[in-house]
């Protein structure tokens, strides 16, 4: 899928320099950044969304004791 993005001049210069110095394409590094950063972004934004639901009382929460009891881990 072709996608285009606009980069600020400093970021574009840094990307150009990296690509030139390593004989790789800018597209290579952009794909790497997306692939490696997407998991972190998913973790952050999905956790944030869940915490908002918890704050609004829309998400059920369990105490540590409840989880231990449900899993049969009570001492």
PDB file of N, CA and C in Angstrom:
ATOM      1  N   UNK A   1       0.843  -1.165   0.000  1.00  0.00           N
ATOM      2  CA  UNK A   1       0.000   0.000   0.000  1.00  0.00           C
ATOM      3  C   UNK A   1       0.895   1.236   0.000  1.00  0.00           C
ATOM      4  N   UNK A   2       0.684   2.088  -0.908  1.00  0.00           N
ATOM      5  CA  UNK A   2       1.460   3.324  -0.979  1.00  0.00           C
ATOM      6  C   UNK A   2       0.855   4.359  -0.041  1.00  0.00           C
ATOM      7  N   UNK A   3       1.718   4.980   0.729  1.00  0.00           N
ATOM      8  CA  UNK A   3       1.300   6.017   1.666  1.00  0.00           C
ATOM      9  C   UNK A   3       2.309   7.141   1.592  1.00  0.00           C
ATOM     10  N   UNK A   4       1.844   8.357   1.716  1.00  0.00           N
ATOM     11  CA  UNK A   4       2.793   9.472   1.720  1.00  0.00           C
ATOM     12  C   UNK A   4       2.656  10.229   3.027  1.00  0.00           C
ATOM     13  N   UNK A   5       3.786  10.759   3.486  1.00  0.00           N
ATOM     14  CA  UNK A   5       3.790  11.560   4.702  1.00  0.00           C
ATOM     15  C   UNK A   5       4.647  12.792   4.462  1.00  0.00           C
ATOM     16  N   UNK A   6       4.387  13.812   5.248  1.00  0.00           N
ATOM     17  CA  UNK A   6       5.207  15.021   5.188  1.00  0.00           C
ATOM     18  C   UNK A   6       6.076  15.062   6.427  1.00  0.00           C
ATOM     19  N   UNK A   7       7.333  15.265   6.227  1.00  0.00           N
ATOM     20  CA  UNK A   7       8.275  15.357   7.337  1.00  0.00           C
ATOM     21  C   UNK A   7       8.762  16.787   7.473  1.00  0.00           C
ATOM     22  N   UNK A   8       9.055  17.181   8.700  1.00  0.00           N
ATOM     23  CA  UNK A   8       9.650  18.504   8.863  1.00  0.00           C
ATOM     24  C   UNK A   8      11.072  18.441   8.295  1.00  0.00           C
ATOM     25  N   UNK A   9      11.618  19.560   7.876  1.00  0.00           N
ATOM     26  CA  UNK A   9      12.923  19.575   7.205  1.00  0.00           C
ATOM     27  C   UNK A   9      14.045  18.906   8.005  1.00  0.00           C
ATOM     28  N   UNK A  10      14.071  19.116   9.310  1.00  0.00           N
ATOM     29  CA  UNK A  10      15.143  18.512  10.116  1.00  0.00           C
ATOM     30  C   UNK A  10      15.055  16.988  10.103  1.00  0.00           C
ATOM     31  N   UNK A  11      13.847  16.463  10.251  1.00  0.00           N
ATOM     32  CA  UNK A  11      13.658  15.012  10.235  1.00  0.00           C
ATOM     33  C   UNK A  11      14.029  14.442   8.874  1.00  0.00           C
ATOM     34  N   UNK A  12      13.634  15.135   7.829  1.00  0.00           N
ATOM     35  CA  UNK A  12      13.966  14.662   6.483  1.00  0.00           C
ATOM     36  C   UNK A  12      15.477  14.671   6.266  1.00  0.00           C
ATOM     37  N   UNK A  13      16.157  15.687   6.748  1.00  0.00           N
ATOM     38  CA  UNK A  13      17.624  15.731   6.621  1.00  0.00           C
ATOM     39  C   UNK A  13      18.271  14.577   7.363  1.00  0.00           C
ATOM     40  N   UNK A  14      17.794  14.308   8.554  1.00  0.00           N
ATOM     41  CA  UNK A  14      18.345  13.201   9.335  1.00  0.00           C
ATOM     42  C   UNK A  14      18.125  11.870   8.622  1.00  0.00           C
ATOM     43  N   UNK A  15      16.931  11.688   8.079  1.00  0.00           N
ATOM     44  CA  UNK A  15      16.617  10.463   7.353  1.00  0.00           C
ATOM     45  C   UNK A  15      17.471  10.342   6.104  1.00  0.00           C
ATOM     46  N   UNK A  16      17.618  11.436   5.365  1.00  0.00           N
ATOM     47  CA  UNK A  16      18.481  11.438   4.184  1.00  0.00           C
ATOM     48  C   UNK A  16      19.913  11.053   4.545  1.00  0.00           C
ATOM     49  N   UNK A  17      20.421  11.636   5.613  1.00  0.00           N
ATOM     50  CA  UNK A  17      21.796  11.370   6.042  1.00  0.00           C
ATOM     51  C   UNK A  17      21.971   9.900   6.416  1.00  0.00           C
ATOM     52  N   UNK A  18      21.038   9.370   7.191  1.00  0.00           N
ATOM     53  CA  UNK A  18      21.103   7.969   7.587  1.00  0.00           C
ATOM     54  C   UNK A  18      21.085   7.053   6.374  1.00  0.00           C
ATOM     55  N   UNK A  19      20.178   7.329   5.462  1.00  0.00           N
ATOM     56  CA  UNK A  19      20.066   6.496   4.259  1.00  0.00           C
ATOM     57  C   UNK A  19      21.337   6.569   3.428  1.00  0.00           C
ATOM     58  N   UNK A  20      21.879   7.748   3.264  1.00  0.00           N
ATOM     59  CA  UNK A  20      23.101   7.924   2.471  1.00  0.00           C
ATOM     60  C   UNK A  20      24.281   7.211   3.118  1.00  0.00           C
ATOM     61  N   UNK A  21      24.432   7.387   4.409  1.00  0.00           N
ATOM     62  CA  UNK A  21      25.578   6.812   5.113  1.00  0.00           C
ATOM     63  C   UNK A  21      25.538   5.289   5.195  1.00  0.00           C
ATOM     64  N   UNK A  22      24.364   4.711   5.104  1.00  0.00           N
ATOM     65  CA  UNK A  22      24.221   3.262   5.258  1.00  0.00           C
ATOM     66  C   UNK A  22      23.869   2.548   3.959  1.00  0.00           C
ATOM     67  N   UNK A  23      23.746   3.315   2.884  1.00  0.00           N
ATOM     68  CA  UNK A  23      23.390   2.753   1.565  1.00  0.00           C
ATOM     69  C   UNK A  23      22.063   2.006   1.593  1.00  0.00           C
ATOM     70  N   UNK A  24      21.160   2.502   2.372  1.00  0.00           N
ATOM     71  CA  UNK A  24      19.800   1.952   2.391  1.00  0.00           C
ATOM     72  C   UNK A  24      18.854   3.051   1.939  1.00  0.00           C
ATOM     73  N   UNK A  25      17.626   2.665   1.638  1.00  0.00           N
ATOM     74  CA  UNK A  25      16.652   3.666   1.198  1.00  0.00           C
ATOM     75  C   UNK A  25      15.946   4.293   2.398  1.00  0.00           C
ATOM     76  N   UNK A  26      15.417   5.476   2.164  1.00  0.00           N
ATOM     77  CA  UNK A  26      14.611   6.120   3.205  1.00  0.00           C
ATOM     78  C   UNK A  26      13.388   5.258   3.505  1.00  0.00           C
ATOM     79  N   UNK A  27      12.821   4.648   2.476  1.00  0.00           N
ATOM     80  CA  UNK A  27      11.646   3.799   2.660  1.00  0.00           C
ATOM     81  C   UNK A  27      11.954   2.631   3.597  1.00  0.00           C
ATOM     82  N   UNK A  28      13.166   2.089   3.489  1.00  0.00           N
ATOM     83  CA  UNK A  28      13.569   1.001   4.383  1.00  0.00           C
ATOM     84  C   UNK A  28      13.460   1.450   5.833  1.00  0.00           C
ATOM     85  N   UNK A  29      14.035   2.613   6.143  1.00  0.00           N
ATOM     86  CA  UNK A  29      14.028   3.099   7.518  1.00  0.00           C
ATOM     87  C   UNK A  29      12.630   3.486   7.989  1.00  0.00           C
ATOM     88  N   UNK A  30      11.829   4.021   7.117  1.00  0.00           N
ATOM     89  CA  UNK A  30      10.454   4.347   7.490  1.00  0.00           C
ATOM     90  C   UNK A  30       9.665   3.079   7.814  1.00  0.00           C
ATOM     91  N   UNK A  31       9.857   2.036   7.009  1.00  0.00           N
ATOM     92  CA  UNK A  31       9.188   0.756   7.293  1.00  0.00           C
ATOM     93  C   UNK A  31       9.661   0.195   8.633  1.00  0.00           C
ATOM     94  N   UNK A  32      10.967   0.268   8.894  1.00  0.00           N
ATOM     95  CA  UNK A  32      11.511  -0.210  10.164  1.00  0.00           C
ATOM     96  C   UNK A  32      10.924   0.558  11.351  1.00  0.00           C
ATOM     97  N   UNK A  33      10.875   1.871  11.208  1.00  0.00           N
ATOM     98  CA  UNK A  33      10.313   2.693  12.283  1.00  0.00           C
ATOM     99  C   UNK A  33       8.867   2.333  12.575  1.00  0.00           C
ATOM    100  N   UNK A  34       8.097   2.147  11.523  1.00  0.00           N
ATOM    101  CA  UNK A  34       6.679   1.817  11.695  1.00  0.00           C
ATOM    102  C   UNK A  34       6.535   0.426  12.308  1.00  0.00           C
ATOM    103  N   UNK A  35       7.240  -0.544  11.759  1.00  0.00           N
ATOM    104  CA  UNK A  35       7.127  -1.914  12.264  1.00  0.00           C
ATOM    105  C   UNK A  35       7.552  -2.006  13.724  1.00  0.00           C
ATOM    106  N   UNK A  36       8.642  -1.348  14.082  1.00  0.00           N
ATOM    107  CA  UNK A  36       9.153  -1.435  15.449  1.00  0.00           C
ATOM    108  C   UNK A  36       8.422  -0.518  16.417  1.00  0.00           C
ATOM    109  N   UNK A  37       7.862   0.563  15.923  1.00  0.00           N
ATOM    110  CA  UNK A  37       7.178   1.494  16.807  1.00  0.00           C
ATOM    111  C   UNK A  37       5.695   1.231  16.965  1.00  0.00           C
ATOM    112  N   UNK A  38       5.121   0.487  16.048  1.00  0.00           N
ATOM    113  CA  UNK A  38       3.675   0.261  16.084  1.00  0.00           C
ATOM    114  C   UNK A  38       3.242  -0.489  17.344  1.00  0.00           C
ATOM    115  N   UNK A  39       3.997  -1.482  17.759  1.00  0.00           N
ATOM    116  CA  UNK A  39       3.644  -2.238  18.962  1.00  0.00           C
ATOM    117  C   UNK A  39       3.616  -1.320  20.180  1.00  0.00           C
ATOM    118  N   UNK A  40       4.602  -0.438  20.286  1.00  0.00           N
ATOM    119  CA  UNK A  40       4.628   0.501  21.412  1.00  0.00           C
ATOM    120  C   UNK A  40       3.432   1.442  21.372  1.00  0.00           C
ATOM    121  N   UNK A  41       3.101   1.916  20.196  1.00  0.00           N
ATOM    122  CA  UNK A  41       1.960   2.824  20.067  1.00  0.00           C
ATOM    123  C   UNK A  41       0.657   2.113  20.392  1.00  0.00           C
ATOM    124  N   UNK A  42       0.526   0.860  19.928  1.00  0.00           N
ATOM    125  CA  UNK A  42      -0.677   0.086  20.253  1.00  0.00           C
ATOM    126  C   UNK A  42      -0.787  -0.083  21.760  1.00  0.00           C
ATOM    127  N   UNK A  43       0.314  -0.467  22.412  1.00  0.00           N
ATOM    128  CA  UNK A  43       0.299  -0.643  23.863  1.00  0.00           C
ATOM    129  C   UNK A  43      -0.149   0.634  24.553  1.00  0.00           C
ATOM    130  N   UNK A  44       0.436   1.744  24.185  1.00  0.00           N
ATOM    131  CA  UNK A  44       0.145   3.009  24.844  1.00  0.00           C
ATOM    132  C   UNK A  44      -1.303   3.445  24.623  1.00  0.00           C
ATOM    133  N   UNK A  45      -1.703   3.530  23.361  1.00  0.00           N
ATOM    134  CA  UNK A  45      -3.020   4.078  23.063  1.00  0.00           C
ATOM    135  C   UNK A  45      -4.153   3.144  23.470  1.00  0.00           C
ATOM    136  N   UNK A  46      -3.969   1.839  23.333  1.00  0.00           N
ATOM    137  CA  UNK A  46      -5.020   0.917  23.765  1.00  0.00           C
ATOM    138  C   UNK A  46      -5.126   0.899  25.288  1.00  0.00           C
ATOM    139  N   UNK A  47      -3.980   0.986  25.981  1.00  0.00           N
ATOM    140  CA  UNK A  47      -4.013   1.066  27.447  1.00  0.00           C
ATOM    141  C   UNK A  47      -4.683   2.363  27.888  1.00  0.00           C
ATOM    142  N   UNK A  48      -4.375   3.438  27.217  1.00  0.00           N
ATOM    143  CA  UNK A  48      -4.981   4.729  27.550  1.00  0.00           C
ATOM    144  C   UNK A  48      -6.505   4.665  27.383  1.00  0.00           C
ATOM    145  N   UNK A  49      -6.952   4.065  26.309  1.00  0.00           N
ATOM    146  CA  UNK A  49      -8.387   3.926  26.050  1.00  0.00           C
ATOM    147  C   UNK A  49      -9.047   3.076  27.132  1.00  0.00           C
ATOM    148  N   UNK A  50      -8.378   1.990  27.519  1.00  0.00           N
ATOM    149  CA  UNK A  50      -8.911   1.129  28.569  1.00  0.00           C
ATOM    150  C   UNK A  50      -8.985   1.875  29.895  1.00  0.00           C
ATOM    151  N   UNK A  51      -7.952   2.643  30.219  1.00  0.00           N
ATOM    152  CA  UNK A  51      -7.953   3.405  31.472  1.00  0.00           C
ATOM    153  C   UNK A  51      -9.080   4.446  31.481  1.00  0.00           C
ATOM    154  N   UNK A  52      -9.364   5.029  30.353  1.00  0.00           N
ATOM    155  CA  UNK A  52     -10.491   5.970  30.275  1.00  0.00           C
ATOM    156  C   UNK A  52     -11.799   5.252  30.592  1.00  0.00           C
ATOM    157  N   UNK A  53     -11.966   4.042  30.060  1.00  0.00           N
ATOM    158  CA  UNK A  53     -13.182   3.269  30.340  1.00  0.00           C
ATOM    159  C   UNK A  53     -13.249   2.898  31.822  1.00  0.00           C
ATOM    160  N   UNK A  54     -12.093   2.572  32.433  1.00  0.00           N
ATOM    161  CA  UNK A  54     -12.058   2.260  33.863  1.00  0.00           C
ATOM    162  C   UNK A  54     -12.491   3.482  34.667  1.00  0.00           C
ATOM    163  N   UNK A  55     -11.934   4.648  34.336  1.00  0.00           N
ATOM    164  CA  UNK A  55     -12.285   5.881  35.057  1.00  0.00           C
ATOM    165  C   UNK A  55     -13.773   6.207  34.953  1.00  0.00           C
ATOM    166  N   UNK A  56     -14.374   5.877  33.815  1.00  0.00           N
ATOM    167  CA  UNK A  56     -15.796   6.155  33.601  1.00  0.00           C
ATOM    168  C   UNK A  56     -16.691   5.055  34.174  1.00  0.00           C
ATOM    169  N   UNK A  57     -16.077   4.004  34.705  1.00  0.00           N
ATOM    170  CA  UNK A  57     -16.854   2.892  35.250  1.00  0.00           C
ATOM    171  C   UNK A  57     -17.408   1.973  34.183  1.00  0.00           C
ATOM    172  N   UNK A  58     -16.868   2.047  32.985  1.00  0.00           N
ATOM    173  CA  UNK A  58     -17.353   1.230  31.868  1.00  0.00           C
ATOM    174  C   UNK A  58     -16.567  -0.069  31.708  1.00  0.00           C
ATOM    175  N   UNK A  59     -15.515  -0.230  32.482  1.00  0.00           N
ATOM    176  CA  UNK A  59     -14.649  -1.407  32.368  1.00  0.00           C
ATOM    177  C   UNK A  59     -14.598  -2.079  33.729  1.00  0.00           C
ATOM    178  N   UNK A  60     -14.842  -3.383  33.756  1.00  0.00           N
ATOM    179  CA  UNK A  60     -14.814  -4.106  35.015  1.00  0.00           C
ATOM    180  C   UNK A  60     -13.365  -4.288  35.460  1.00  0.00           C
ATOM    181  N   UNK A  61     -13.121  -4.107  36.753  1.00  0.00           N
ATOM    182  CA  UNK A  61     -11.783  -4.302  37.312  1.00  0.00           C
ATOM    183  C   UNK A  61     -11.862  -5.336  38.426  1.00  0.00           C
ATOM    184  N   UNK A  62     -10.743  -5.995  38.675  1.00  0.00           N
ATOM    185  CA  UNK A  62     -10.665  -7.054  39.675  1.00  0.00           C
ATOM    186  C   UNK A  62      -9.492  -6.774  40.606  1.00  0.00           C
ATOM    187  N   UNK A  63      -9.678  -7.101  41.867  1.00  0.00           N
ATOM    188  CA  UNK A  63      -8.579  -6.949  42.818  1.00  0.00           C
ATOM    189  C   UNK A  63      -7.609  -8.121  42.642  1.00  0.00           C
ATOM    190  N   UNK A  64      -6.419  -7.956  43.188  1.00  0.00           N
ATOM    191  CA  UNK A  64      -5.433  -9.035  43.146  1.00  0.00           C
ATOM    192  C   UNK A  64      -5.979 -10.266  43.852  1.00  0.00           C
ATOM    193  N   UNK A  65      -6.659 -10.052  44.958  1.00  0.00           N
ATOM    194  CA  UNK A  65      -7.226 -11.182  45.703  1.00  0.00           C
ATOM    195  C   UNK A  65      -8.276 -11.928  44.885  1.00  0.00           C
ATOM    196  N   UNK A  66      -9.104 -11.188  44.138  1.00  0.00           N
ATOM    197  CA  UNK A  66     -10.107 -11.842  43.288  1.00  0.00           C
ATOM    198  C   UNK A  66      -9.438 -12.681  42.206  1.00  0.00           C
ATOM    199  N   UNK A  67      -8.402 -12.146  41.589  1.00  0.00           N
ATOM    200  CA  UNK A  67      -7.709 -12.866  40.522  1.00  0.00           C
ATOM    201  C   UNK A  67      -7.048 -14.120  41.092  1.00  0.00           C
ATOM    202  N   UNK A  68      -6.368 -13.986  42.226  1.00  0.00           N
ATOM    203  CA  UNK A  68      -5.729 -15.148  42.846  1.00  0.00           C
ATOM    204  C   UNK A  68      -6.763 -16.225  43.161  1.00  0.00           C
ATOM    205  N   UNK A  69      -7.898 -15.817  43.725  1.00  0.00           N
ATOM    206  CA  UNK A  69      -8.949 -16.777  44.073  1.00  0.00           C
ATOM    207  C   UNK A  69      -9.492 -17.462  42.831  1.00  0.00           C
ATOM    208  N   UNK A  70      -9.750 -16.701  41.783  1.00  0.00           N
ATOM    209  CA  UNK A  70     -10.278 -17.259  40.531  1.00  0.00           C
ATOM    210  C   UNK A  70      -9.306 -18.244  39.897  1.00  0.00           C
ATOM    211  N   UNK A  71      -8.004 -17.995  40.076  1.00  0.00           N
ATOM    212  CA  UNK A  71      -6.979 -18.873  39.492  1.00  0.00           C
ATOM    213  C   UNK A  71      -6.535 -19.982  40.444  1.00  0.00           C
ATOM    214  N   UNK A  72      -7.115 -19.996  41.624  1.00  0.00           N
ATOM    215  CA  UNK A  72      -6.745 -21.019  42.609  1.00  0.00           C
ATOM    216  C   UNK A  72      -5.360 -20.823  43.180  1.00  0.00           C
ATOM    217  N   UNK A  73      -4.938 -19.581  43.308  1.00  0.00           N
ATOM    218  CA  UNK A  73      -3.600 -19.281  43.786  1.00  0.00           C
ATOM    219  C   UNK A  73      -3.594 -18.763  45.221  1.00  0.00           C
ATOM    220  N   UNK A  74      -4.708 -18.888  45.921  1.00  0.00           N
ATOM    221  CA  UNK A  74      -4.760 -18.432  47.313  1.00  0.00           C
ATOM    222  C   UNK A  74      -3.809 -19.250  48.154  1.00  0.00           C
ATOM    223  N   UNK A  75      -3.151 -18.585  49.074  1.00  0.00           N
ATOM    224  CA  UNK A  75      -2.208 -19.302  49.972  1.00  0.00           C
ATOM    225  C   UNK A  75      -2.919 -19.854  51.170  1.00  0.00           C
TER     226      UNK A  75
END
